[in-house]
Amino acid sequence: MRILKTALSAALPLALVLSVLAASCATGSGSAYDRSVSGEMSAVERAAAAKAEEEDDDDPSPGSGWDGSWDDDGSSSPSWGTEPAAGSLSVTLSAPRLTGTLAVLDTPPGSDLYVDGMLRTRTGPDGRASLVVDAGLRVVEIDAFGWIPRQLSVWVPADGLMELYMSLEPAEFSLEPHGVSAARFDPDRPGRMGSVRATFRATAPGHARARVTDGQGSVVRDLGVVAIDRMYIDVRWDGSTDAGGVAREGTYLVTLEGEDGTSASLELGLARLRAIRLSSLHGGFSGLILAPDARVMPEGAYLEASAGGYAFVDADSGSMGARVPTWFGERISLGDSLEFAFRAMIVPYLGYDTTPSMSHFSLAGSFKLAILDGPGFALAAMGRFALDSYLDEAVSGWPSPWDGGAGYHGAGAGLVAELGSDRARAFVSTELAASDYYPGWDDGRWAVPGFFAWAYLRAGLDYSIPMGALGSLSLGASAAARTEPVGAPFGIREPLSVAGELYWNLPELPLALGIHAAGEWRAFQSWYFAGGLGISVFL
């Protein structure tokens, strides 16, 4: 009996050890089977299985099972493991991203291909497109002008190919209003200074007639037949009427009517704004010779071009000579509130025994951005540059400093403000300029820096005189002063630049003829002027 008890007591621990080993092998085998099965699942199925297993666990341990995280593309990235103890090794298994190839065929050439609401590509001339996308359920849409859009939900296999034949049906022709820009017109120059843009949306190609009607339904302007070959169609009106005049202020309708009677209309309010005046573009900006104005050429405006020159005659070593600054400039609208102006200038020296060493040629330009544009007040920001100055450091008086704003190599930026009415206006500007040249730098008044920065202060006045059938006259005067460069004692550097001009705006023509005068003033006993002619035109 004692022997039997001894045998049982020895066999019981052995049986327990064998049971534990058997259970461990069974558990390990089951886990290996689970991982093998889950390896065949899609990312979504693995995530669902992991979440269900976590919810069924009566006594979940911290850090075990799926961590509930998802990738940005919507696929799951389950991880298995336990919270690592101090000094232990942690191993994390992540599922790789699964992708497949989506091929779309039999679509109109150039169709937009959307996947899950995002534009991915356009089909080629053969109506086909192919791209790699995430495997799984994807929403595919094809959209093309003139066709009815089509949408399908498809399953893209991992490392596989899904081909879609997505032929579209032609869309019926229809029109709908989309938007209208601000109506900006110069009442003195219909068809030359400004236009309104009415935009319509079409569903299919075709033709439509564009008309402008007033509040009584009468046709003010027939804009002719418009060919519709894209989804969004712009119709422009310059404010002129079929009778050759300018439409009165008020409310109008821009209507686009298709061949089948389909139509769409946009309402606009026409307000005559202050006239945009022709300018010399002398300094690479619009306005007077020495002072920019704050008005921006309206969107849809035609190009303004100007040319001019003036001559200063003086005596040099007993002989007579003349400096003749001559320029050509252009002014271009870049949108409803932005314009660009530039000027090229050449300065011949005629009759001099010795010609200074200088390039004789320079370029200047400016960008002007409207900040405020009210009926009586305007404010604009302006940036300006000048390249290849015709000035020479060794002969800073050739030509004189009043050419400065037009000739100094460098750049500047500032603000321009304008106050006035249709007939009279006043404008001032302040500008911080920078250059590697400043006239008079060697006068011994202060140390010469390697880089010069100073401020310009400019002001201008002009007045328009109506002359009926003869057109109108514009009289203007401007002045510019510059400070001492930064680093020197603050002050205004002489001389003061002054200029005057007179423009005759020809009736019924986008043309103005001008007379210019420019010079410098130090005191009532020290001044001179140079005079010349100019012409400006809207092309």
Protein backbone atom coordinates (compact mmCIF):
# COMPACT_ATOMS: atom_id res chain seq x y z
CA MET A 1 0.00 0.00 0.00
CA ARG A 2 2.86 2.35 0.82
CA ILE A 3 4.46 1.51 -2.54
CA LEU A 4 1.19 2.34 -4.38
CA LYS A 5 0.94 5.70 -2.62
CA THR A 6 4.53 6.46 -3.50
CA ALA A 7 3.91 5.64 -7.20
CA LEU A 8 0.76 7.77 -7.33
CA SER A 9 2.45 10.71 -5.69
CA ALA A 10 5.29 10.51 -8.28
CA ALA A 11 2.95 10.04 -11.27
CA LEU A 12 0.58 12.95 -10.41
CA PRO A 13 3.13 15.78 -10.95
CA LEU A 14 4.29 14.10 -14.14
CA ALA A 15 0.71 13.97 -15.43
CA LEU A 16 0.18 17.63 -14.62
CA VAL A 17 3.35 18.60 -16.53
CA LEU A 18 2.26 16.54 -19.54
CA SER A 19 -1.20 18.18 -19.48
CA VAL A 20 0.26 21.68 -19.44
CA LEU A 21 2.57 20.86 -22.34
CA ALA A 22 -0.31 19.39 -24.33
CA ALA A 23 -2.47 22.47 -23.71
CA SER A 24 0.40 24.79 -24.70
CA CYS A 25 0.91 22.89 -27.96
CA ALA A 26 -2.79 23.02 -28.71
CA THR A 27 -2.93 26.76 -28.03
CA GLY A 28 0.17 27.45 -30.16
CA SER A 29 -1.25 25.36 -32.98
CA GLY A 30 -4.54 27.23 -32.83
CA SER A 31 -2.79 30.62 -32.87
CA ALA A 32 -0.69 29.60 -35.86
CA TYR A 33 -3.87 28.51 -37.65
CA ASP A 34 -5.58 31.80 -36.79
CA ARG A 35 -2.65 33.82 -38.16
CA SER A 36 -2.62 31.68 -41.30
CA VAL A 37 -6.32 32.26 -41.88
CA SER A 38 -6.10 35.98 -41.12
CA GLY A 39 -3.24 36.28 -43.61
CA GLU A 40 -5.72 35.30 -46.35
CA MET A 41 -8.27 37.91 -45.21
CA SER A 42 -8.53 41.41 -46.59
CA ALA A 43 -7.48 44.29 -44.37
CA VAL A 44 -11.08 45.08 -43.49
CA GLU A 45 -11.93 41.46 -42.61
CA ARG A 46 -8.88 41.16 -40.36
CA ALA A 47 -9.85 44.31 -38.50
CA ALA A 48 -13.43 43.08 -38.01
CA ALA A 49 -12.24 39.67 -36.78
CA ALA A 50 -9.79 41.22 -34.36
CA LYS A 51 -12.44 43.58 -32.97
CA ALA A 52 -14.95 40.72 -32.53
CA GLU A 53 -12.33 38.62 -30.71
CA GLU A 54 -11.58 41.55 -28.39
CA GLU A 55 -15.28 42.06 -27.59
CA ASP A 56 -15.81 38.32 -26.83
CA ASP A 57 -12.91 38.18 -24.37
CA ASP A 58 -14.39 38.06 -20.84
CA ASP A 59 -11.11 39.03 -19.20
CA PRO A 60 -9.12 41.14 -21.66
CA SER A 61 -5.59 41.87 -20.64
CA PRO A 62 -4.11 45.35 -21.21
CA GLY A 63 -2.24 45.66 -24.46
CA SER A 64 -3.59 42.44 -26.03
CA GLY A 65 -5.56 42.15 -29.29
CA TRP A 66 -6.13 44.81 -31.99
CA ASP A 67 -5.36 48.36 -30.89
CA GLY A 68 -8.26 49.85 -32.85
CA SER A 69 -6.08 52.02 -35.11
CA TRP A 70 -6.73 52.65 -38.80
CA ASP A 71 -4.49 54.01 -41.51
CA ASP A 72 -5.23 57.34 -43.18
CA ASP A 73 -6.38 55.49 -46.31
CA GLY A 74 -9.07 53.59 -44.39
CA SER A 75 -7.23 50.23 -44.11
CA SER A 76 -6.56 48.70 -40.72
CA SER A 77 -3.15 48.14 -39.22
CA PRO A 78 -3.76 45.56 -36.41
CA SER A 79 -0.96 44.79 -33.97
CA TRP A 80 -0.63 41.83 -31.62
CA GLY A 81 1.50 41.67 -28.48
CA THR A 82 1.62 42.49 -24.82
CA GLU A 83 2.80 45.47 -22.87
CA PRO A 84 6.56 45.01 -22.60
CA ALA A 85 7.91 44.53 -19.10
CA ALA A 86 11.12 46.17 -17.97
CA GLY A 87 14.05 44.58 -19.80
CA SER A 88 11.74 42.51 -22.12
CA LEU A 89 11.63 42.45 -25.94
CA SER A 90 8.47 43.72 -27.73
CA VAL A 91 7.52 42.45 -31.22
CA THR A 92 4.78 44.14 -33.33
CA LEU A 93 3.30 42.71 -36.54
CA SER A 94 1.67 45.19 -39.02
CA ALA A 95 -0.37 44.30 -42.07
CA PRO A 96 1.07 45.73 -45.35
CA ARG A 97 -0.95 48.13 -47.50
CA LEU A 98 -2.76 46.23 -50.24
CA THR A 99 -3.21 47.78 -53.70
CA GLY A 100 -4.60 46.82 -57.07
CA THR A 101 -4.83 48.22 -60.60
CA LEU A 102 -7.95 49.95 -61.90
CA ALA A 103 -8.32 50.24 -65.68
CA VAL A 104 -11.15 52.27 -67.24
CA LEU A 105 -12.01 51.82 -70.91
CA ASP A 106 -14.54 52.99 -73.50
CA THR A 107 -14.96 56.55 -72.18
CA PRO A 108 -15.02 59.85 -74.13
CA PRO A 109 -11.43 61.11 -74.64
CA GLY A 110 -10.30 63.52 -71.95
CA SER A 111 -12.89 62.42 -69.40
CA ASP A 112 -12.30 63.19 -65.72
CA LEU A 113 -11.76 60.03 -63.67
CA TYR A 114 -12.73 60.28 -59.98
CA VAL A 115 -11.96 57.59 -57.38
CA ASP A 116 -13.78 57.93 -54.04
CA GLY A 117 -14.72 61.51 -54.92
CA MET A 118 -11.17 62.65 -55.79
CA LEU A 119 -10.03 63.57 -59.32
CA ARG A 120 -7.19 61.16 -60.08
CA THR A 121 -6.53 61.49 -63.82
CA ARG A 122 -8.05 62.04 -67.27
CA THR A 123 -8.56 59.43 -69.94
CA GLY A 124 -6.36 59.60 -73.00
CA PRO A 125 -7.25 60.08 -76.68
CA ASP A 126 -8.26 56.41 -76.82
CA GLY A 127 -10.68 56.84 -73.91
CA ARG A 128 -8.57 54.73 -71.54
CA ALA A 129 -6.83 55.29 -68.23
CA SER A 130 -5.05 53.05 -65.73
CA LEU A 131 -3.92 53.73 -62.17
CA VAL A 132 -2.99 51.97 -58.93
CA VAL A 133 -5.52 52.32 -56.08
CA ASP A 134 -6.09 50.79 -52.64
CA ALA A 135 -7.57 47.33 -52.81
CA GLY A 136 -11.14 46.89 -51.70
CA LEU A 137 -14.44 48.62 -52.42
CA ARG A 138 -13.91 51.78 -54.53
CA VAL A 139 -16.37 54.31 -55.98
CA VAL A 140 -15.46 55.25 -59.57
CA GLU A 141 -17.00 58.18 -61.49
CA ILE A 142 -16.50 59.38 -65.07
CA ASP A 143 -17.45 62.94 -66.05
CA ALA A 144 -17.01 64.65 -69.44
CA PHE A 145 -18.44 67.76 -71.07
CA GLY A 146 -21.39 66.81 -73.30
CA TRP A 147 -22.05 63.48 -71.58
CA ILE A 148 -24.13 62.28 -68.61
CA PRO A 149 -21.80 61.44 -65.68
CA ARG A 150 -21.69 57.80 -64.58
CA GLN A 151 -20.75 56.30 -61.21
CA LEU A 152 -20.02 52.68 -60.23
CA SER A 153 -18.95 50.86 -57.05
CA VAL A 154 -16.37 48.13 -57.76
CA TRP A 155 -14.15 45.74 -55.83
CA VAL A 156 -10.46 46.08 -56.69
CA PRO A 157 -8.59 42.85 -55.84
CA ALA A 158 -5.27 42.98 -54.02
CA ASP A 159 -2.37 42.65 -56.49
CA GLY A 160 -5.00 42.21 -59.20
CA LEU A 161 -6.64 44.07 -62.09
CA MET A 162 -10.16 45.46 -62.32
CA GLU A 163 -11.27 46.54 -65.83
CA LEU A 164 -14.30 48.82 -66.23
CA TYR A 165 -16.09 49.58 -69.48
CA MET A 166 -17.79 52.91 -68.70
CA SER A 167 -19.43 54.19 -71.87
CA LEU A 168 -21.50 57.38 -71.35
CA GLU A 169 -24.72 58.62 -72.86
CA PRO A 170 -24.86 62.05 -74.56
CA ALA A 171 -26.28 64.85 -72.41
CA GLU A 172 -29.07 67.13 -73.55
CA PHE A 173 -28.10 70.74 -74.22
CA SER A 174 -28.91 73.10 -71.35
CA LEU A 175 -27.67 76.39 -69.93
CA GLU A 176 -27.60 77.83 -66.45
CA PRO A 177 -26.16 81.07 -64.97
CA HIS A 178 -22.90 80.82 -63.09
CA GLY A 179 -21.69 84.32 -62.08
CA VAL A 180 -21.04 87.89 -63.15
CA SER A 181 -18.08 90.23 -62.56
CA ALA A 182 -18.29 93.89 -61.56
CA ALA A 183 -19.43 96.30 -64.28
CA ARG A 184 -16.69 98.90 -64.72
CA PHE A 185 -16.92 101.32 -67.62
CA ASP A 186 -15.40 104.59 -68.74
CA PRO A 187 -18.41 106.48 -70.13
CA ASP A 188 -16.17 108.62 -72.33
CA ARG A 189 -14.69 105.63 -74.15
CA PRO A 190 -17.24 102.83 -74.67
CA GLY A 191 -15.64 99.63 -75.83
CA ARG A 192 -12.20 100.82 -74.75
CA MET A 193 -11.99 100.98 -70.99
CA GLY A 194 -13.62 98.08 -69.19
CA SER A 195 -16.17 95.32 -69.61
CA VAL A 196 -18.44 93.07 -67.62
CA ARG A 197 -18.00 89.29 -67.76
CA ALA A 198 -21.07 87.05 -67.48
CA THR A 199 -20.30 83.34 -67.07
CA PHE A 200 -22.72 80.52 -67.99
CA ARG A 201 -22.54 76.76 -67.51
CA ALA A 202 -23.42 74.47 -70.43
CA THR A 203 -23.98 70.71 -70.38
CA ALA A 204 -23.22 70.00 -74.05
CA PRO A 205 -21.65 71.64 -77.12
CA GLY A 206 -23.76 73.90 -79.29
CA HIS A 207 -24.40 77.50 -80.29
CA ALA A 208 -26.26 80.30 -78.52
CA ARG A 209 -27.01 83.96 -79.13
CA ALA A 210 -25.97 86.50 -76.50
CA ARG A 211 -28.06 89.63 -75.90
CA VAL A 212 -28.19 92.46 -73.38
CA THR A 213 -31.67 93.75 -72.52
CA ASP A 214 -32.88 96.56 -70.29
CA GLY A 215 -35.62 96.53 -67.64
CA GLN A 216 -38.36 96.79 -70.31
CA GLY A 217 -37.02 93.78 -72.23
CA SER A 218 -35.68 95.87 -75.12
CA VAL A 219 -32.44 94.68 -76.69
CA VAL A 220 -29.66 97.13 -75.85
CA ARG A 221 -26.82 95.19 -77.46
CA ASP A 222 -26.83 92.06 -79.64
CA LEU A 223 -23.52 90.33 -78.97
CA GLY A 224 -23.98 87.75 -81.72
CA VAL A 225 -23.71 83.96 -81.77
CA VAL A 226 -21.40 82.27 -79.27
CA ALA A 227 -19.86 78.86 -80.00
CA ILE A 228 -20.14 76.63 -76.91
CA ASP A 229 -17.28 74.15 -76.85
CA ARG A 230 -16.60 73.90 -73.11
CA MET A 231 -18.52 73.76 -69.86
CA TYR A 232 -18.08 77.40 -68.78
CA ILE A 233 -18.69 80.18 -71.32
CA ASP A 234 -17.79 83.84 -70.75
CA VAL A 235 -19.82 86.59 -72.40
CA ARG A 236 -18.33 90.12 -72.27
CA TRP A 237 -20.11 93.42 -72.67
CA ASP A 238 -18.25 96.74 -72.86
CA GLY A 239 -21.22 98.97 -71.99
CA SER A 240 -21.81 100.15 -75.54
CA THR A 241 -25.19 99.97 -77.29
CA ASP A 242 -26.16 98.92 -80.82
CA ALA A 243 -26.70 102.62 -81.54
CA GLY A 244 -23.03 103.35 -80.80
CA GLY A 245 -23.53 105.12 -77.47
CA VAL A 246 -23.08 104.13 -73.84
CA ALA A 247 -25.84 102.40 -71.87
CA ARG A 248 -27.37 104.41 -69.06
CA GLU A 249 -26.86 103.49 -65.45
CA GLY A 250 -29.32 100.85 -64.27
CA THR A 251 -30.10 97.14 -64.23
CA TYR A 252 -29.63 94.92 -67.29
CA LEU A 253 -29.90 91.26 -68.21
CA VAL A 254 -27.24 89.32 -70.11
CA THR A 255 -29.05 86.40 -71.77
CA LEU A 256 -27.64 83.39 -73.57
CA GLU A 257 -30.27 81.60 -75.72
CA GLY A 258 -29.59 78.22 -77.33
CA GLU A 259 -30.80 76.98 -80.72
CA ASP A 260 -33.46 74.80 -79.07
CA GLY A 261 -34.89 77.71 -77.09
CA THR A 262 -32.98 76.91 -73.88
CA SER A 263 -31.82 80.10 -72.21
CA ALA A 264 -30.20 81.48 -69.07
CA SER A 265 -29.85 85.05 -67.81
CA LEU A 266 -27.65 86.99 -65.41
CA GLU A 267 -28.56 90.35 -63.88
CA LEU A 268 -26.01 93.12 -63.58
CA GLY A 269 -26.04 96.70 -62.33
CA LEU A 270 -24.28 99.15 -64.60
CA ALA A 271 -22.59 102.07 -62.84
CA ARG A 272 -20.52 104.62 -64.66
CA LEU A 273 -17.28 105.04 -62.79
CA ARG A 274 -14.86 107.88 -62.98
CA ALA A 275 -13.07 108.05 -66.32
CA ILE A 276 -9.69 106.35 -66.56
CA ARG A 277 -7.41 108.99 -68.05
CA LEU A 278 -4.61 108.48 -70.49
CA SER A 279 -1.15 109.07 -69.04
CA SER A 280 2.41 109.51 -70.22
CA LEU A 281 3.82 106.34 -68.55
CA HIS A 282 7.06 108.33 -68.30
CA GLY A 283 8.28 106.79 -65.06
CA GLY A 284 7.07 103.25 -65.66
CA PHE A 285 3.76 103.94 -63.87
CA SER A 286 0.39 105.40 -64.86
CA GLY A 287 -0.38 108.94 -63.81
CA LEU A 288 1.49 112.19 -64.34
CA ILE A 289 5.14 112.45 -65.30
CA LEU A 290 6.43 112.53 -61.71
CA ALA A 291 3.49 111.20 -59.66
CA PRO A 292 1.52 107.94 -60.02
CA ASP A 293 -2.26 107.89 -59.62
CA ALA A 294 -4.25 105.37 -57.57
CA ARG A 295 -6.69 104.22 -60.26
CA VAL A 296 -6.25 100.74 -61.70
CA MET A 297 -7.17 99.95 -65.29
CA PRO A 298 -10.39 97.86 -65.12
CA GLU A 299 -10.63 94.22 -66.11
CA GLY A 300 -11.31 93.74 -69.80
CA ALA A 301 -9.74 97.06 -70.72
CA TYR A 302 -7.76 97.44 -73.86
CA LEU A 303 -4.04 98.16 -73.92
CA GLU A 304 -2.84 101.73 -73.37
CA ALA A 305 0.34 102.75 -75.20
CA SER A 306 2.20 106.05 -74.85
CA ALA A 307 5.25 107.65 -76.40
CA GLY A 308 6.92 110.98 -75.80
CA GLY A 309 10.09 112.96 -75.33
CA TYR A 310 11.50 116.28 -74.22
CA ALA A 311 14.77 118.10 -74.82
CA PHE A 312 16.97 120.24 -72.60
CA VAL A 313 19.37 122.49 -74.49
CA ASP A 314 22.46 123.83 -72.71
CA ALA A 315 25.96 125.12 -73.47
CA ASP A 316 29.02 122.96 -72.88
CA SER A 317 32.46 124.49 -73.42
CA GLY A 318 31.02 127.08 -75.74
CA SER A 319 29.06 124.64 -77.92
CA MET A 320 25.36 123.94 -77.83
CA GLY A 321 24.07 120.49 -76.99
CA ALA A 322 20.79 118.79 -76.13
CA ARG A 323 19.79 115.87 -73.95
CA VAL A 324 16.63 114.26 -75.37
CA PRO A 325 14.97 111.65 -73.09
CA THR A 326 12.59 109.69 -75.34
CA TRP A 327 10.33 106.90 -74.11
CA PHE A 328 7.68 104.35 -75.03
CA GLY A 329 5.39 102.73 -72.46
CA GLU A 330 2.46 100.32 -72.15
CA ARG A 331 -0.20 99.74 -69.51
CA ILE A 332 -2.01 96.40 -69.17
CA SER A 333 -4.87 95.19 -66.97
CA LEU A 334 -4.11 91.94 -65.11
CA GLY A 335 -7.53 91.60 -63.47
CA ASP A 336 -10.18 93.61 -61.73
CA SER A 337 -7.71 95.19 -59.26
CA LEU A 338 -4.21 94.74 -60.68
CA GLU A 339 -2.31 96.38 -63.51
CA PHE A 340 1.20 96.39 -64.94
CA ALA A 341 2.93 99.33 -66.63
CA PHE A 342 6.39 99.56 -68.13
CA ARG A 343 8.54 102.04 -70.00
CA ALA A 344 11.67 101.89 -72.15
CA MET A 345 13.73 105.10 -72.41
CA ILE A 346 16.69 106.14 -74.52
CA VAL A 347 18.60 109.39 -73.97
CA PRO A 348 20.55 110.68 -76.99
CA TYR A 349 23.15 113.39 -76.35
CA LEU A 350 23.22 115.69 -79.34
CA GLY A 351 25.84 118.36 -80.15
CA TYR A 352 28.23 117.66 -77.29
CA ASP A 353 31.99 117.66 -77.90
CA THR A 354 32.41 114.73 -75.48
CA THR A 355 29.73 112.18 -74.75
CA PRO A 356 29.57 110.83 -71.19
CA SER A 357 30.22 107.13 -70.74
CA MET A 358 26.77 105.73 -70.07
CA SER A 359 24.36 103.15 -71.47
CA HIS A 360 21.88 105.74 -72.83
CA PHE A 361 19.08 103.21 -72.23
CA SER A 362 16.90 102.11 -69.31
CA LEU A 363 13.82 100.06 -68.48
CA ALA A 364 11.28 100.72 -65.72
CA GLY A 365 7.99 99.14 -64.68
CA SER A 366 5.47 98.88 -61.88
CA PHE A 367 2.70 96.69 -60.50
CA LYS A 368 -0.26 98.49 -58.95
CA LEU A 369 -2.79 96.74 -56.68
CA ALA A 370 -6.08 98.46 -55.78
CA ILE A 371 -6.85 98.45 -52.04
CA LEU A 372 -9.82 100.86 -52.03
CA ASP A 373 -11.66 102.13 -55.11
CA GLY A 374 -14.55 104.33 -54.04
CA PRO A 375 -16.29 107.10 -56.00
CA GLY A 376 -14.29 109.87 -54.31
CA PHE A 377 -11.28 108.12 -52.80
CA ALA A 378 -8.86 105.45 -54.00
CA LEU A 379 -5.88 103.74 -52.38
CA ALA A 380 -3.39 101.45 -54.08
CA ALA A 381 -0.14 99.65 -53.31
CA MET A 382 2.61 99.88 -55.88
CA GLY A 383 5.93 98.16 -56.50
CA ARG A 384 8.38 99.66 -58.99
CA PHE A 385 11.71 98.70 -60.56
CA ALA A 386 14.29 100.22 -62.91
CA LEU A 387 16.97 98.37 -64.87
CA ASP A 388 20.05 99.44 -66.82
CA SER A 389 20.05 103.06 -65.79
CA TYR A 390 21.50 105.51 -68.29
CA LEU A 391 23.16 107.38 -65.43
CA ASP A 392 26.84 107.18 -64.65
CA GLU A 393 28.35 107.67 -61.20
CA ALA A 394 31.20 109.77 -62.58
CA VAL A 395 28.82 112.25 -64.23
CA SER A 396 25.86 112.37 -61.86
CA GLY A 397 24.64 115.61 -63.41
CA TRP A 398 24.17 114.03 -66.87
CA PRO A 399 21.18 114.10 -67.05
CA SER A 400 20.14 116.11 -64.04
CA PRO A 401 18.70 114.49 -60.87
CA TRP A 402 15.09 115.25 -61.76
CA ASP A 403 15.23 112.25 -64.08
CA GLY A 404 15.80 110.16 -60.95
CA GLY A 405 12.53 108.29 -60.61
CA ALA A 406 12.79 107.22 -64.22
CA GLY A 407 16.43 106.33 -64.39
CA TYR A 408 17.98 105.03 -61.17
CA HIS A 409 18.83 101.36 -61.19
CA GLY A 410 16.95 99.67 -58.32
CA ALA A 411 13.49 99.03 -56.89
CA GLY A 412 10.87 100.63 -54.69
CA ALA A 413 7.49 100.05 -53.06
CA GLY A 414 4.88 102.28 -51.47
CA LEU A 415 1.30 103.51 -51.26
CA VAL A 416 -0.65 105.87 -53.54
CA ALA A 417 -3.77 107.77 -52.40
CA GLU A 418 -6.15 109.74 -54.61
CA LEU A 419 -9.00 112.13 -53.82
CA GLY A 420 -11.28 113.86 -56.31
CA SER A 421 -14.15 113.76 -58.77
CA ASP A 422 -14.60 113.17 -62.49
CA ARG A 423 -13.12 116.54 -63.40
CA ALA A 424 -10.55 117.27 -60.66
CA ARG A 425 -8.32 115.03 -58.60
CA ALA A 426 -5.29 115.18 -56.31
CA PHE A 427 -2.98 112.30 -55.48
CA VAL A 428 0.03 111.74 -53.26
CA SER A 429 2.39 108.81 -52.83
CA THR A 430 5.18 107.71 -50.57
CA GLU A 431 7.76 105.20 -51.70
CA LEU A 432 10.83 103.57 -50.16
CA ALA A 433 13.49 103.18 -52.86
CA ALA A 434 16.71 101.16 -52.89
CA SER A 435 19.66 101.21 -55.27
CA ASP A 436 23.41 100.84 -55.55
CA TYR A 437 23.56 104.39 -56.95
CA TYR A 438 22.59 107.80 -55.59
CA PRO A 439 23.47 111.08 -57.35
CA GLY A 440 25.78 113.31 -55.40
CA TRP A 441 27.19 110.50 -53.29
CA ASP A 442 30.71 111.93 -53.63
CA ASP A 443 29.95 115.44 -52.40
CA GLY A 444 31.78 114.83 -49.11
CA ARG A 445 28.72 115.45 -46.94
CA TRP A 446 28.60 111.94 -45.52
CA ALA A 447 30.31 108.54 -45.80
CA VAL A 448 29.58 106.47 -48.91
CA PRO A 449 27.67 103.26 -48.10
CA GLY A 450 27.69 100.19 -50.30
CA PHE A 451 23.94 100.26 -50.62
CA PHE A 452 21.54 103.22 -50.78
CA ALA A 453 17.97 103.44 -49.47
CA TRP A 454 15.84 106.58 -49.36
CA ALA A 455 12.22 107.74 -49.61
CA TYR A 456 10.35 109.45 -52.44
CA LEU A 457 7.47 111.82 -51.78
CA ARG A 458 5.31 112.61 -54.81
CA ALA A 459 2.19 114.69 -55.43
CA GLY A 460 0.06 115.58 -58.43
CA LEU A 461 -2.99 117.62 -59.46
CA ASP A 462 -4.98 117.45 -62.66
CA TYR A 463 -8.18 119.00 -63.99
CA SER A 464 -10.34 118.06 -66.97
CA ILE A 465 -12.06 120.75 -69.05
CA PRO A 466 -14.95 119.52 -71.27
CA MET A 467 -14.99 121.08 -74.75
CA GLY A 468 -18.07 119.46 -76.27
CA ALA A 469 -17.53 118.38 -79.87
CA LEU A 470 -13.79 119.13 -79.54
CA GLY A 471 -13.25 116.58 -76.78
CA SER A 472 -11.63 117.65 -73.52
CA LEU A 473 -8.42 119.07 -72.10
CA SER A 474 -6.54 117.67 -69.11
CA LEU A 475 -4.15 119.98 -67.25
CA GLY A 476 -1.70 118.50 -64.77
CA ALA A 477 1.20 119.40 -62.53
CA SER A 478 3.38 117.13 -60.42
CA ALA A 479 6.37 117.29 -58.09
CA ALA A 480 8.75 114.81 -56.47
CA ALA A 481 11.17 115.12 -53.59
CA ARG A 482 13.62 112.59 -52.24
CA THR A 483 15.17 112.29 -48.81
CA GLU A 484 18.79 111.84 -47.94
CA PRO A 485 19.77 108.17 -47.98
CA VAL A 486 19.37 106.08 -44.85
CA GLY A 487 22.47 106.52 -42.71
CA ALA A 488 22.83 110.22 -43.39
CA PRO A 489 21.20 112.98 -41.35
CA PHE A 490 17.52 113.13 -42.26
CA GLY A 491 16.58 115.80 -44.77
CA ILE A 492 15.32 116.53 -48.28
CA ARG A 493 17.97 116.34 -50.97
CA GLU A 494 17.81 119.21 -53.47
CA PRO A 495 16.65 119.85 -56.08
CA LEU A 496 12.86 119.48 -56.13
CA SER A 497 11.67 117.82 -59.35
CA VAL A 498 8.71 119.53 -61.03
CA ALA A 499 6.69 118.83 -64.18
CA GLY A 500 3.61 120.01 -66.04
CA GLU A 501 1.58 118.55 -68.87
CA LEU A 502 -1.44 119.23 -71.04
CA TYR A 503 -3.41 116.51 -72.85
CA TRP A 504 -6.02 117.01 -75.55
CA ASN A 505 -8.41 114.05 -75.53
CA LEU A 506 -9.79 113.81 -79.05
CA PRO A 507 -13.58 113.35 -79.36
CA GLU A 508 -14.90 109.87 -80.23
CA LEU A 509 -11.33 108.58 -80.50
CA PRO A 510 -9.17 106.66 -77.95
CA LEU A 511 -6.36 109.15 -78.57
CA ALA A 512 -4.72 112.00 -76.62
CA LEU A 513 -2.00 114.44 -77.71
CA GLY A 514 0.22 115.91 -75.02
CA ILE A 515 2.68 118.70 -74.28
CA HIS A 516 5.22 118.03 -71.50
CA ALA A 517 7.57 120.15 -69.42
CA ALA A 518 9.93 118.88 -66.74
CA GLY A 519 12.78 120.34 -64.74
CA GLU A 520 14.26 121.07 -61.35
CA TRP A 521 13.88 123.85 -58.79
CA ARG A 522 16.38 124.79 -56.07
CA ALA A 523 15.34 128.36 -55.42
CA PHE A 524 13.60 131.12 -57.26
CA GLN A 525 16.93 132.04 -58.87
CA SER A 526 17.95 128.47 -59.77
CA TRP A 527 15.73 126.40 -62.01
CA TYR A 528 15.38 125.10 -65.56
CA PHE A 529 12.85 123.23 -67.69
CA ALA A 530 12.88 120.87 -70.65
CA GLY A 531 9.88 120.58 -72.98
CA GLY A 532 8.49 118.13 -75.52
CA LEU A 533 5.52 116.28 -77.01
CA GLY A 534 3.70 113.02 -76.32
CA ILE A 535 0.90 110.81 -77.57
CA SER A 536 -1.24 108.20 -75.81
CA VAL A 537 -3.72 105.76 -77.30
CA PHE A 538 -5.93 102.82 -76.32
CA LEU A 539 -5.34 100.00 -78.80
